[in-house]
Structure formats: structure tokens, C-alpha cells
């Protein structure tokens, strides 16, 4: 079996060590890929090449029209090789191929969007007092470290990478050890598109081993992480000690508020998508269902019917709706949490156990459990196909319950009363809110959370601003001569 290495200074690099990461497909439990762990020498090399490439100006000072062309060429290569990328993603994480085709079919949009943004982005001129012109430029930060998760390997990596490169930064990216292969193909595409050597580098390994090395050094200007709460706090500590920028997209326990004036069948379909896409393994998943009491019985009956119609199975089949969770450890953890929730008084509406009808793979039945909002199952991120259901009486109750969590990533509101939809949205403590939908994403739409769900944003103008900082230039055009130290000097202002 081919062994993959890291990617440093424009080429794939190997250290010929015995430290090999085996990438196991969660459906057939077979090893699909093998990747070398990067050693400390390689990590240092990646950081050094990234830093030197930035300082050289080979990319950071390149005309934006030429940077834009590289990004657009990369988008073209992604579209041309999309089936290969889909296959790698399904092999790595076991998500149904129909999901991967839908998601990866949009990957190139991020490169195209930021390629366009830098072509039209303009600086600003401030209303500076006196005979001065103050113009403000946006300049890249420097070398950026990006640490990405396994659940959306390419999508999350490209959301970060396309923006950082468009802004003129250099990047060292560490993918999850569970899904380390697909981003290597993007490196090939960037190479082919004309990205200068050293601007983009990839190192492989476990965050617990190499995370500190990536974050504590004299090269990096920003750290960008998508991951868990614990890792986010560690990243924040490192960034604070080093006085550098950082952004994090962390956990979520997103509420889906279903009001009595919703269209039930439409809402049921939307809630099913909101929670169970990717087998619930997304930070943004709607994992808390808040239903108004007056329609709860009818709604849950329809939802149960929908759950029972979902096809669990082979992710390579176009008929499959629900794929496996990422690992056996994850499967057992989900099962234990469900059992604990039942002991605490939770009532299983549907599902609630490991799916055993398939000979291999880590499958859990799509589960709906009636519980209280204070229960652990409704408060802690589970990362599995599990929906906690809570009943509310009034709109005020729904808002209070929705906000009663340490997270604040996303929410959805299901109502045919758009005045209610907008009013409720304005009272929710989270960064992304959909009305009569869930999960929808666009390169132009800011993506990120409040509270423990992270700091900073992906996507759009805001992300671009966070991958740059300002240079303020003040020009004195007065023809008067002012000697500050003379007796006639004007006051400083």
C-alpha cells in the first residue's frame, strides 16, 4: 500500500520512519491509506519555509490579479478532479457518497469567491483632522497555522485555506490524523496552478504530539483551529503568550425551534437534515429539538415515521441516507451516553441502540430521545445521530431554552410567521441562524459562534479582514511649516 508523506516547499516529503498512521474506513473497517507522521525536523522545516516564503514577498507582495489567477486555476482543477476527491473522502470518513457529491461539488466556490474578492477589495480613507490624508491598507498577517478536523476534511480546510492564501499569507496546515490524505491533492492542484514553493505546507500527525510545536515558535502570526473546546482553550493560551492572532470554531449544541404555526412535513424534513446529515457528526448539527407543546404529539409521530424510513448502510451506495460514525470508540461513547440519559429519565422515541444488521462498520441507529434541557444529553456535544427533544409552551420559553447552553454556534427557527421568525432570531445567542432551513452555507456568509463555540469567523468579507491587518498611512499636504519647539508652535492634536 502506498504511504503518503507531508508536503513541504512544493514537494511531497518522506522521513522513512516507522511512525505510520493507518486511515481506517468506518464502514468496512479496512485500512485505506497510510501516512507518515511528520517528525519535529519536518515541522520546523515547514514553518521555516512558510515564514521565508512570506518574507520574500513571492506571494504576499504578488499583484492581486496574479494571486486571483492562481486561485481560479485551482478551482478549475478541483472541479476537474472532483470524483477522485469524493472517493478519498468516503474512504477516509465513511460519509455517504451522495452527501460527499453534494458537498464537494461546491468546493471550488470558495477559491472562486476569494479570487473575486481580492480583485475588487478597496482600502479606505479616513476623515482625519487637518491637512492630512489618511489612507488605510489591508496587508496579510504572515505565516498562518491551520488545524482542521476529520468530519469535513476538505470543506473546512478549503474554507480556511482559500481565504488565507487570497489575503497573501503563507500557510502550514495540519489535517486530522483520521482524514489526512485529501488535502494533499489540493496541494498538488495549487502547485500546478502556480502557487510559489513554500507558500503552502502540510504536516501530518496527532495534535497531542505536534500541536505545541506548531503553535509555540517564532514564525507564526495566526493560529486557526476547528476542533473541540479543550483544544480551543489551549490554542488561545499559546496565542496569548506569543501575542499573535487566533480564531477557533469549536463545539455546538444547536437548537431547532419548532413553533405551532410551522408546516409540519416541511419542518420534519428540515429537522431530519439538520440533525442527521453526516450522521450528526458536525458542530453545526441541530441536536436539540424544541417543539411547541400544542403540536408535539403530531410532530413527533411524523418525525418517528421519517426516522424509520432512513436507509442505514454502505456509504458507497447512492441509496444510503445514514453512514457510520467515525470509529468504534465514538460508537461506544454514543451508546453509553444514551444509556446514561435513559437512566436520568430520558424516553427513547425511536432508535437508541447500536445498529447490528450490518456485518461491519460503526453504525448507530438514528435516535430521538425526549429529555429535559438540563440533561447532559441535551447540553454536551455528542457528535452522533442523536436528537434530544424538549417541549416548550410559549415563545419566551423557547428562547430561554435555546439560549440555556454554554454553546452559541447556530440555531434554526421553524415557523410560517416571518415576523415571529425574525423577532425570535434577534433574541438568540448564536452566530448563525436559519429560518425554515438548517445547515445552509455559502462562501460569502459569515460562519462562527458565540460563547464557547469559538472566536472569529470563516467565510466572506469578515474572514478576509481577520486574515489581514491594517496599515494606516498619514500624509501631510499642508504648505505651512510648524516648528513644534518654537514659541509660536500650535498645540499637538
Protein backbone atom coordinates (compact mmCIF):
# COMPACT_ATOMS: atom_id res chain seq x y z
CA UNK A 1 0.00 0.00 0.00
CA UNK A 2 1.26 3.47 -0.90
CA UNK A 3 2.46 5.55 2.04
CA UNK A 4 1.84 9.30 1.96
CA UNK A 5 4.18 11.85 3.47
CA UNK A 6 3.90 15.52 4.26
CA UNK A 7 4.12 18.40 1.79
CA UNK A 8 6.90 20.95 2.26
CA UNK A 9 8.27 23.63 -0.04
CA UNK A 10 6.32 22.44 -3.06
CA UNK A 11 7.00 18.70 -2.88
CA UNK A 12 5.91 15.57 -1.06
CA UNK A 13 8.47 14.63 1.56
CA UNK A 14 9.15 11.40 3.44
CA UNK A 15 11.19 10.61 6.55
CA UNK A 16 11.17 6.79 6.15
CA UNK A 17 10.27 6.26 9.79
CA UNK A 18 8.16 3.52 11.32
CA UNK A 19 5.66 6.03 12.72
CA UNK A 20 2.77 5.31 10.37
CA UNK A 21 -0.84 6.46 10.71
CA UNK A 22 -3.35 3.96 9.33
CA UNK A 23 -6.54 5.52 7.97
CA UNK A 24 -9.38 3.10 8.66
CA UNK A 25 -12.69 3.34 6.81
CA UNK A 26 -15.52 3.24 9.39
CA UNK A 27 -17.77 1.18 7.11
CA UNK A 28 -15.69 -1.87 6.20
CA UNK A 29 -13.07 -1.27 8.94
CA UNK A 30 -10.27 -1.73 6.43
CA UNK A 31 -7.11 0.33 6.15
CA UNK A 32 -7.50 2.58 3.11
CA UNK A 33 -4.40 4.77 3.41
CA UNK A 34 -1.16 5.01 5.33
CA UNK A 35 0.51 8.30 6.21
CA UNK A 36 3.85 9.02 7.82
CA UNK A 37 3.85 11.07 11.00
CA UNK A 38 5.87 14.23 10.45
CA UNK A 39 8.87 14.47 12.75
CA UNK A 40 9.94 17.65 14.53
CA UNK A 41 12.58 18.36 11.89
CA UNK A 42 9.94 18.33 9.16
CA UNK A 43 7.62 20.55 11.18
CA UNK A 44 10.44 23.03 11.73
CA UNK A 45 11.21 22.90 8.02
CA UNK A 46 7.58 23.52 7.05
CA UNK A 47 7.38 26.50 9.41
CA UNK A 48 10.68 27.91 8.20
CA UNK A 49 9.83 27.58 4.51
CA UNK A 50 6.41 29.12 5.14
CA UNK A 51 7.93 32.04 7.01
CA UNK A 52 10.67 32.63 4.44
CA UNK A 53 8.19 32.47 1.57
CA UNK A 54 6.11 35.16 3.22
CA UNK A 55 9.05 37.41 3.97
CA UNK A 56 10.37 37.05 0.44
CA UNK A 57 7.18 38.57 -0.94
CA UNK A 58 6.96 35.91 -3.65
CA UNK A 59 3.25 35.55 -2.79
CA UNK A 60 2.48 38.18 -0.15
CA UNK A 61 3.52 41.04 -2.44
CA UNK A 62 2.36 39.49 -5.69
CA UNK A 63 -0.17 41.56 -7.62
CA UNK A 64 -3.69 40.54 -6.58
CA UNK A 65 -4.58 39.82 -10.20
CA UNK A 66 -1.90 37.13 -10.31
CA UNK A 67 -2.96 35.70 -6.93
CA UNK A 68 -6.53 35.64 -8.19
CA UNK A 69 -5.49 33.70 -11.28
CA UNK A 70 -3.78 31.01 -9.19
CA UNK A 71 -6.89 30.60 -7.04
CA UNK A 72 -9.17 30.38 -10.06
CA UNK A 73 -6.90 27.82 -11.71
CA UNK A 74 -7.04 25.75 -8.53
CA UNK A 75 -10.85 25.92 -8.57
CA UNK A 76 -10.81 24.55 -12.12
CA UNK A 77 -8.58 21.63 -11.12
CA UNK A 78 -10.83 20.82 -8.15
CA UNK A 79 -13.85 20.62 -10.45
CA UNK A 80 -11.91 18.53 -12.97
CA UNK A 81 -10.83 16.00 -10.32
CA UNK A 82 -13.94 16.02 -8.15
CA UNK A 83 -14.71 12.30 -8.40
CA UNK A 84 -11.24 11.43 -7.13
CA UNK A 85 -11.70 13.77 -4.16
CA UNK A 86 -15.11 12.28 -3.39
CA UNK A 87 -13.66 8.77 -3.35
CA UNK A 88 -10.89 9.78 -0.95
CA UNK A 89 -13.33 11.45 1.44
CA UNK A 90 -15.69 8.47 1.51
CA UNK A 91 -12.72 6.16 2.08
CA UNK A 92 -11.47 8.29 4.96
CA UNK A 93 -14.63 9.13 6.91
CA UNK A 94 -17.38 6.87 5.57
CA UNK A 95 -19.91 9.57 4.78
CA UNK A 96 -22.49 8.55 2.17
CA UNK A 97 -21.34 9.27 -1.35
CA UNK A 98 -24.48 11.26 -2.13
CA UNK A 99 -23.56 13.66 0.70
CA UNK A 100 -19.99 13.93 -0.50
CA UNK A 101 -21.04 14.69 -4.06
CA UNK A 102 -23.30 17.48 -2.85
CA UNK A 103 -20.71 18.96 -0.51
CA UNK A 104 -17.56 18.63 -2.59
CA UNK A 105 -19.38 19.78 -5.69
CA UNK A 106 -19.25 23.25 -4.14
CA UNK A 107 -15.60 23.24 -3.01
CA UNK A 108 -14.35 25.34 -5.90
CA UNK A 109 -16.77 28.13 -4.96
CA UNK A 110 -14.54 29.17 -2.06
CA UNK A 111 -11.48 29.66 -4.27
CA UNK A 112 -13.57 31.49 -6.86
CA UNK A 113 -15.19 33.73 -4.24
CA UNK A 114 -11.94 34.86 -2.63
CA UNK A 115 -10.28 35.16 -6.04
CA UNK A 116 -13.03 37.65 -6.91
CA UNK A 117 -12.97 39.42 -3.56
CA UNK A 118 -9.31 40.39 -3.77
CA UNK A 119 -9.85 41.78 -7.28
CA UNK A 120 -12.46 44.27 -6.06
CA UNK A 121 -11.37 44.88 -2.46
CA UNK A 122 -10.62 48.55 -1.79
CA UNK A 123 -8.84 50.25 1.08
CA UNK A 124 -10.30 53.25 2.87
CA UNK A 125 -9.60 56.92 3.52
CA UNK A 126 -10.49 58.15 6.99
CA UNK A 127 -11.81 61.66 7.90
CA UNK A 128 -8.52 62.72 9.50
CA UNK A 129 -8.42 66.18 11.15
CA UNK A 130 -6.32 68.87 9.50
CA UNK A 131 -4.39 68.99 6.24
CA UNK A 132 -3.76 65.28 6.10
CA UNK A 133 -4.81 62.31 4.03
CA UNK A 134 -5.05 59.05 5.98
CA UNK A 135 -5.39 56.01 3.77
CA UNK A 136 -5.67 52.51 5.20
CA UNK A 137 -4.34 49.38 3.51
CA UNK A 138 -5.09 45.75 4.30
CA UNK A 139 -1.96 43.60 4.40
CA UNK A 140 -1.50 39.88 5.11
CA UNK A 141 -0.67 38.70 8.60
CA UNK A 142 2.27 36.42 7.80
CA UNK A 143 2.60 32.68 8.32
CA UNK A 144 -0.64 31.04 9.47
CA UNK A 145 -1.07 27.63 11.10
CA UNK A 146 -4.39 25.93 10.34
CA UNK A 147 -5.53 22.85 12.27
CA UNK A 148 -8.53 21.12 10.73
CA UNK A 149 -10.85 18.27 11.84
CA UNK A 150 -11.87 14.93 10.35
CA UNK A 151 -15.60 15.46 9.89
CA UNK A 152 -15.42 17.79 6.86
CA UNK A 153 -11.79 17.31 5.84
CA UNK A 154 -11.77 19.23 2.57
CA UNK A 155 -14.60 21.70 3.12
CA UNK A 156 -13.25 23.11 6.37
CA UNK A 157 -9.65 23.11 5.14
CA UNK A 158 -10.57 24.94 1.94
CA UNK A 159 -12.77 27.47 3.75
CA UNK A 160 -9.71 28.48 5.75
CA UNK A 161 -7.03 27.97 3.10
CA UNK A 162 -8.69 29.86 0.23
CA UNK A 163 -9.17 32.96 2.36
CA UNK A 164 -5.69 32.89 3.91
CA UNK A 165 -3.99 32.49 0.53
CA UNK A 166 -6.16 35.14 -1.12
CA UNK A 167 -5.07 37.61 1.53
CA UNK A 168 -1.40 36.88 0.77
CA UNK A 169 -0.49 34.75 3.77
CA UNK A 170 1.62 31.61 3.79
CA UNK A 171 0.13 28.52 5.44
CA UNK A 172 1.16 25.41 7.34
CA UNK A 173 -1.85 23.10 7.66
CA UNK A 174 -2.25 20.06 9.88
CA UNK A 175 -5.22 17.84 8.96
CA UNK A 176 -6.73 15.35 11.36
CA UNK A 177 -4.89 12.06 11.64
CA UNK A 178 -8.23 10.40 10.76
CA UNK A 179 -8.52 12.13 7.39
CA UNK A 180 -5.08 13.28 6.26
CA UNK A 181 -4.97 12.36 2.57
CA UNK A 182 -7.43 14.50 0.60
CA UNK A 183 -5.77 17.85 1.37
CA UNK A 184 -2.55 16.51 -0.20
CA UNK A 185 -4.31 16.53 -3.57
CA UNK A 186 -5.22 20.19 -3.08
CA UNK A 187 -1.52 20.88 -2.56
CA UNK A 188 -0.87 19.25 -5.95
CA UNK A 189 -3.52 21.42 -7.58
CA UNK A 190 -2.06 24.60 -6.05
CA UNK A 191 1.37 23.56 -7.28
CA UNK A 192 0.05 23.01 -10.78
CA UNK A 193 -1.79 26.34 -10.66
CA UNK A 194 1.41 28.28 -9.98
CA UNK A 195 1.48 28.80 -6.22
CA UNK A 196 5.12 29.53 -5.33
CA UNK A 197 7.00 26.89 -3.37
CA UNK A 198 6.88 27.20 0.38
CA UNK A 199 3.65 29.18 0.50
CA UNK A 200 1.53 26.13 1.38
CA UNK A 201 2.85 23.27 3.50
CA UNK A 202 1.18 20.25 5.13
CA UNK A 203 2.39 18.32 8.16
CA UNK A 204 0.85 15.09 9.42
CA UNK A 205 0.34 13.76 12.92
CA UNK A 206 -1.53 13.81 16.20
CA UNK A 207 -2.38 17.16 17.71
CA UNK A 208 -1.34 15.98 21.16
CA UNK A 209 2.16 15.31 19.83
CA UNK A 210 2.84 18.14 17.42
CA UNK A 211 0.27 20.81 18.28
CA UNK A 212 2.54 22.73 20.64
CA UNK A 213 5.40 22.66 18.13
CA UNK A 214 3.10 24.25 15.56
CA UNK A 215 1.82 26.91 17.93
CA UNK A 216 4.87 27.85 20.01
CA UNK A 217 7.56 29.20 17.70
CA UNK A 218 8.89 32.45 16.27
CA UNK A 219 7.38 32.04 12.82
CA UNK A 220 3.60 32.07 13.20
CA UNK A 221 1.34 35.16 13.11
CA UNK A 222 -2.02 33.40 13.48
CA UNK A 223 -3.45 30.05 14.55
CA UNK A 224 -6.80 28.93 13.13
CA UNK A 225 -8.44 25.84 14.64
CA UNK A 226 -11.64 23.94 14.12
CA UNK A 227 -11.94 21.41 16.93
CA UNK A 228 -13.04 20.76 20.47
CA UNK A 229 -13.44 23.11 23.42
CA UNK A 230 -10.32 21.87 25.21
CA UNK A 231 -8.09 22.31 22.19
CA UNK A 232 -9.55 25.77 21.59
CA UNK A 233 -8.59 26.94 25.07
CA UNK A 234 -5.05 25.58 24.69
CA UNK A 235 -4.71 27.40 21.35
CA UNK A 236 -5.92 30.61 22.98
CA UNK A 237 -3.32 30.29 25.74
CA UNK A 238 -0.50 29.77 23.25
CA UNK A 239 -1.67 32.70 21.11
CA UNK A 240 -1.94 34.96 24.15
CA UNK A 241 1.56 34.11 25.36
CA UNK A 242 3.01 34.74 21.91
CA UNK A 243 0.94 37.85 21.19
CA UNK A 244 -0.47 36.55 17.91
CA UNK A 245 -3.89 36.33 16.32
CA UNK A 246 -6.08 33.26 16.64
CA UNK A 247 -9.53 32.08 15.67
CA UNK A 248 -11.47 29.00 16.66
CA UNK A 249 -14.63 27.22 15.54
CA UNK A 250 -15.49 24.87 18.38
CA UNK A 251 -18.44 22.86 19.63
CA UNK A 252 -22.15 23.36 19.30
CA UNK A 253 -25.46 22.17 20.66
CA UNK A 254 -27.64 23.92 18.16
CA UNK A 255 -31.37 24.28 18.92
CA UNK A 256 -34.07 23.87 16.30
CA UNK A 257 -37.16 25.79 17.46
CA UNK A 258 -40.39 24.38 16.04
CA UNK A 259 -43.47 26.56 16.52
CA UNK A 260 -47.10 25.54 16.19
CA UNK A 261 -47.53 27.62 13.02
CA UNK A 262 -44.88 25.69 11.07
CA UNK A 263 -45.61 23.45 8.10
CA UNK A 264 -45.10 20.12 9.85
CA UNK A 265 -43.96 17.97 6.94
CA UNK A 266 -41.55 20.62 5.71
CA UNK A 267 -40.20 21.08 9.23
CA UNK A 268 -39.82 17.32 9.77
CA UNK A 269 -37.74 17.03 6.60
CA UNK A 270 -35.66 20.04 7.61
CA UNK A 271 -35.10 18.81 11.15
CA UNK A 272 -34.04 15.40 9.84
CA UNK A 273 -31.48 17.04 7.58
CA UNK A 274 -30.42 19.46 10.32
CA UNK A 275 -29.56 16.73 12.80
CA UNK A 276 -28.79 13.57 10.87
CA UNK A 277 -26.74 14.70 7.88
CA UNK A 278 -23.20 13.31 8.30
CA UNK A 279 -24.67 11.02 10.99
CA UNK A 280 -24.86 14.04 13.28
CA UNK A 281 -21.09 14.50 13.21
CA UNK A 282 -20.95 18.23 12.67
CA UNK A 283 -20.51 21.11 15.11
CA UNK A 284 -23.40 22.89 13.45
CA UNK A 285 -25.84 19.96 13.71
CA UNK A 286 -29.25 20.74 15.16
CA UNK A 287 -29.11 18.35 18.10
CA UNK A 288 -31.70 19.99 20.39
CA UNK A 289 -35.26 19.92 19.08
CA UNK A 290 -37.54 22.39 20.87
CA UNK A 291 -41.19 21.68 19.99
CA UNK A 292 -44.23 23.71 20.97
CA UNK A 293 -46.48 21.55 23.13
CA UNK A 294 -49.63 22.06 21.06
CA UNK A 295 -48.15 20.20 18.06
CA UNK A 296 -45.63 17.94 19.81
CA UNK A 297 -47.60 14.70 19.53
CA UNK A 298 -48.36 15.11 15.84
CA UNK A 299 -44.86 16.33 15.06
CA UNK A 300 -43.09 13.51 16.88
CA UNK A 301 -45.30 10.93 15.20
CA UNK A 302 -44.32 12.28 11.78
CA UNK A 303 -40.66 12.52 12.80
CA UNK A 304 -40.60 8.92 14.02
CA UNK A 305 -42.03 7.77 10.70
CA UNK A 306 -39.33 9.74 8.89
CA UNK A 307 -36.58 8.19 11.06
CA UNK A 308 -37.77 4.68 10.31
CA UNK A 309 -37.63 5.37 6.57
CA UNK A 310 -33.94 6.29 6.59
CA UNK A 311 -31.65 3.72 4.99
CA UNK A 312 -28.58 2.85 7.05
CA UNK A 313 -25.76 1.17 5.19
CA UNK A 314 -22.97 1.18 2.66
CA UNK A 315 -21.74 4.76 2.13
CA UNK A 316 -20.73 3.87 -1.43
CA UNK A 317 -24.39 3.23 -2.30
CA UNK A 318 -26.44 6.13 -3.61
CA UNK A 319 -29.44 4.79 -1.68
CA UNK A 320 -27.78 5.20 1.73
CA UNK A 321 -29.00 8.03 3.96
CA UNK A 322 -27.10 7.30 7.17
CA UNK A 323 -23.46 6.20 7.22
CA UNK A 324 -21.28 5.03 10.10
CA UNK A 325 -19.80 7.17 12.84
CA UNK A 326 -16.08 7.70 12.64
CA UNK A 327 -14.75 4.98 14.99
CA UNK A 328 -15.61 2.19 17.39
CA UNK A 329 -14.66 4.43 20.32
CA UNK A 330 -17.14 7.04 19.09
CA UNK A 331 -19.84 4.38 18.64
CA UNK A 332 -19.43 3.06 22.18
CA UNK A 333 -19.29 6.56 23.65
CA UNK A 334 -22.59 7.46 21.95
CA UNK A 335 -24.22 4.28 23.21
CA UNK A 336 -23.03 4.89 26.78
CA UNK A 337 -24.35 8.45 26.71
CA UNK A 338 -27.77 7.23 25.54
CA UNK A 339 -27.90 4.64 28.31
CA UNK A 340 -26.98 7.29 30.88
CA UNK A 341 -29.68 9.61 29.51
CA UNK A 342 -32.33 6.87 29.88
CA UNK A 343 -31.24 6.26 33.47
CA UNK A 344 -31.66 10.01 34.09
CA UNK A 345 -35.26 9.85 32.86
CA UNK A 346 -34.91 10.24 29.11
CA UNK A 347 -37.51 8.49 26.95
CA UNK A 348 -36.48 6.93 23.63
CA UNK A 349 -38.90 7.90 20.86
CA UNK A 350 -37.06 5.99 18.15
CA UNK A 351 -33.66 4.30 17.82
CA UNK A 352 -31.46 4.28 20.88
CA UNK A 353 -29.08 1.42 20.15
CA UNK A 354 -26.16 0.23 18.07
CA UNK A 355 -27.22 -0.95 14.62
CA UNK A 356 -26.20 -4.59 14.29
CA UNK A 357 -27.77 -5.66 10.99
CA UNK A 358 -24.61 -4.87 9.01
CA UNK A 359 -21.64 -7.21 9.44
CA UNK A 360 -19.01 -4.48 9.69
CA UNK A 361 -18.87 -0.79 10.49
CA UNK A 362 -19.67 1.59 13.31
CA UNK A 363 -23.39 2.24 12.90
CA UNK A 364 -25.76 3.82 15.40
CA UNK A 365 -29.50 4.00 14.82
CA UNK A 366 -30.88 7.50 14.20
CA UNK A 367 -32.21 8.33 17.66
CA UNK A 368 -34.74 10.76 19.09
CA UNK A 369 -34.89 10.99 22.88
CA UNK A 370 -37.34 13.01 24.96
CA UNK A 371 -35.47 14.74 27.76
CA UNK A 372 -35.05 17.93 29.75
CA UNK A 373 -32.86 20.80 28.65
CA UNK A 374 -30.67 20.45 31.75
CA UNK A 375 -29.82 16.81 30.99
CA UNK A 376 -26.29 16.05 29.88
CA UNK A 377 -27.57 14.58 26.62
CA UNK A 378 -29.08 18.00 25.81
CA UNK A 379 -26.09 20.04 26.93
CA UNK A 380 -22.94 18.19 25.85
CA UNK A 381 -21.85 17.80 22.24
CA UNK A 382 -22.28 14.13 21.29
CA UNK A 383 -21.21 14.00 17.62
CA UNK A 384 -23.58 11.27 16.59
CA UNK A 385 -27.06 10.67 15.08
CA UNK A 386 -28.93 11.65 18.25
CA UNK A 387 -31.63 14.31 18.62
CA UNK A 388 -32.65 15.50 22.10
CA UNK A 389 -36.28 16.62 22.21
CA UNK A 390 -37.60 19.23 24.68
CA UNK A 391 -41.20 20.52 24.88
CA UNK A 392 -41.99 24.22 25.39
CA UNK A 393 -45.20 26.18 25.91
CA UNK A 394 -44.58 29.79 24.85
CA UNK A 395 -42.26 31.68 22.55
CA UNK A 396 -40.48 33.10 25.58
CA UNK A 397 -39.89 29.57 26.89
CA UNK A 398 -38.41 28.54 23.54
CA UNK A 399 -35.97 31.45 23.52
CA UNK A 400 -34.91 30.81 27.13
CA UNK A 401 -34.32 27.09 26.48
CA UNK A 402 -32.47 27.76 23.23
CA UNK A 403 -30.05 30.12 24.97
CA UNK A 404 -29.60 27.92 28.02
CA UNK A 405 -26.33 26.28 26.94
CA UNK A 406 -22.63 27.11 27.03
CA UNK A 407 -22.56 26.97 23.23
CA UNK A 408 -23.72 29.53 20.71
CA UNK A 409 -22.86 28.30 17.24
CA UNK A 410 -26.15 28.01 15.37
CA UNK A 411 -29.92 27.65 15.53
CA UNK A 412 -32.89 27.23 13.23
CA UNK A 413 -36.43 28.55 13.59
CA UNK A 414 -39.39 26.79 12.02
CA UNK A 415 -42.46 28.98 11.56
CA UNK A 416 -44.62 30.31 8.72
CA UNK A 417 -44.92 33.62 10.60
CA UNK A 418 -41.89 35.50 9.31
CA UNK A 419 -42.40 38.32 11.81
CA UNK A 420 -42.01 35.72 14.55
CA UNK A 421 -39.03 34.21 12.76
CA UNK A 422 -37.11 37.47 12.62
CA UNK A 423 -38.16 38.50 16.13
CA UNK A 424 -37.01 35.22 17.67
CA UNK A 425 -33.78 35.28 15.65
CA UNK A 426 -32.89 38.65 17.15
CA UNK A 427 -33.05 37.14 20.66
CA UNK A 428 -30.91 34.03 20.13
CA UNK A 429 -27.33 33.97 21.43
CA UNK A 430 -25.61 32.35 18.47
CA UNK A 431 -23.67 33.26 15.37
CA UNK A 432 -25.68 31.54 12.60
CA UNK A 433 -29.47 31.38 12.43
CA UNK A 434 -31.63 29.88 9.72
CA UNK A 435 -35.37 30.43 9.35
CA UNK A 436 -37.14 27.39 7.87
CA UNK A 437 -33.86 25.72 6.99
CA UNK A 438 -30.66 24.40 8.57
CA UNK A 439 -27.01 23.82 7.59
CA UNK A 440 -27.02 26.06 4.52
CA UNK A 441 -23.60 27.56 3.80
CA UNK A 442 -22.08 29.99 1.29
CA UNK A 443 -18.58 31.40 0.77
CA UNK A 444 -19.93 34.91 1.32
CA UNK A 445 -21.83 34.16 4.55
CA UNK A 446 -20.01 34.64 7.91
CA UNK A 447 -19.64 31.36 9.81
CA UNK A 448 -18.85 31.15 13.52
CA UNK A 449 -20.28 31.24 17.00
CA UNK A 450 -20.78 32.98 20.33
CA UNK A 451 -19.81 31.85 23.83
CA UNK A 452 -17.88 28.54 23.97
CA UNK A 453 -18.43 27.95 20.26
CA UNK A 454 -15.36 29.92 19.32
CA UNK A 455 -13.82 33.22 18.29
CA UNK A 456 -13.66 34.72 14.81
CA UNK A 457 -15.36 33.87 11.54
CA UNK A 458 -14.89 31.82 8.42
CA UNK A 459 -16.31 32.89 5.04
CA UNK A 460 -16.91 36.22 3.47
CA UNK A 461 -15.59 39.72 3.96
CA UNK A 462 -15.23 39.17 7.71
CA UNK A 463 -12.91 36.19 7.29
CA UNK A 464 -10.77 38.16 4.84
CA UNK A 465 -10.49 41.01 7.34
CA UNK A 466 -9.37 38.53 10.02
CA UNK A 467 -6.62 37.19 7.76
CA UNK A 468 -5.25 40.70 7.26
CA UNK A 469 -4.38 43.67 9.42
CA UNK A 470 -4.36 47.37 8.69
CA UNK A 471 -1.54 49.65 7.74
CA UNK A 472 -2.50 53.28 8.32
CA UNK A 473 -0.59 55.84 6.24
CA UNK A 474 -0.94 59.53 7.06
CA UNK A 475 0.32 62.14 4.58
CA UNK A 476 0.71 65.81 5.48
CA UNK A 477 -0.13 68.01 2.49
CA UNK A 478 -0.12 71.36 4.32
CA UNK A 479 2.15 74.09 2.90
CA UNK A 480 2.59 75.59 6.35
CA UNK A 481 5.73 74.91 8.33
CA UNK A 482 5.22 74.24 12.03
CA UNK A 483 8.19 74.11 14.43
CA UNK A 484 6.85 72.32 17.47
CA UNK A 485 9.64 73.58 19.69
CA UNK A 486 9.27 77.24 18.78
CA UNK A 487 7.38 79.75 20.94
CA UNK A 488 4.64 80.00 18.30
CA UNK A 489 4.01 76.23 18.00
CA UNK A 490 0.40 75.10 17.80
CA UNK A 491 -0.95 72.59 20.30
CA UNK A 492 -0.43 68.92 19.45
CA UNK A 493 -3.63 67.28 18.27
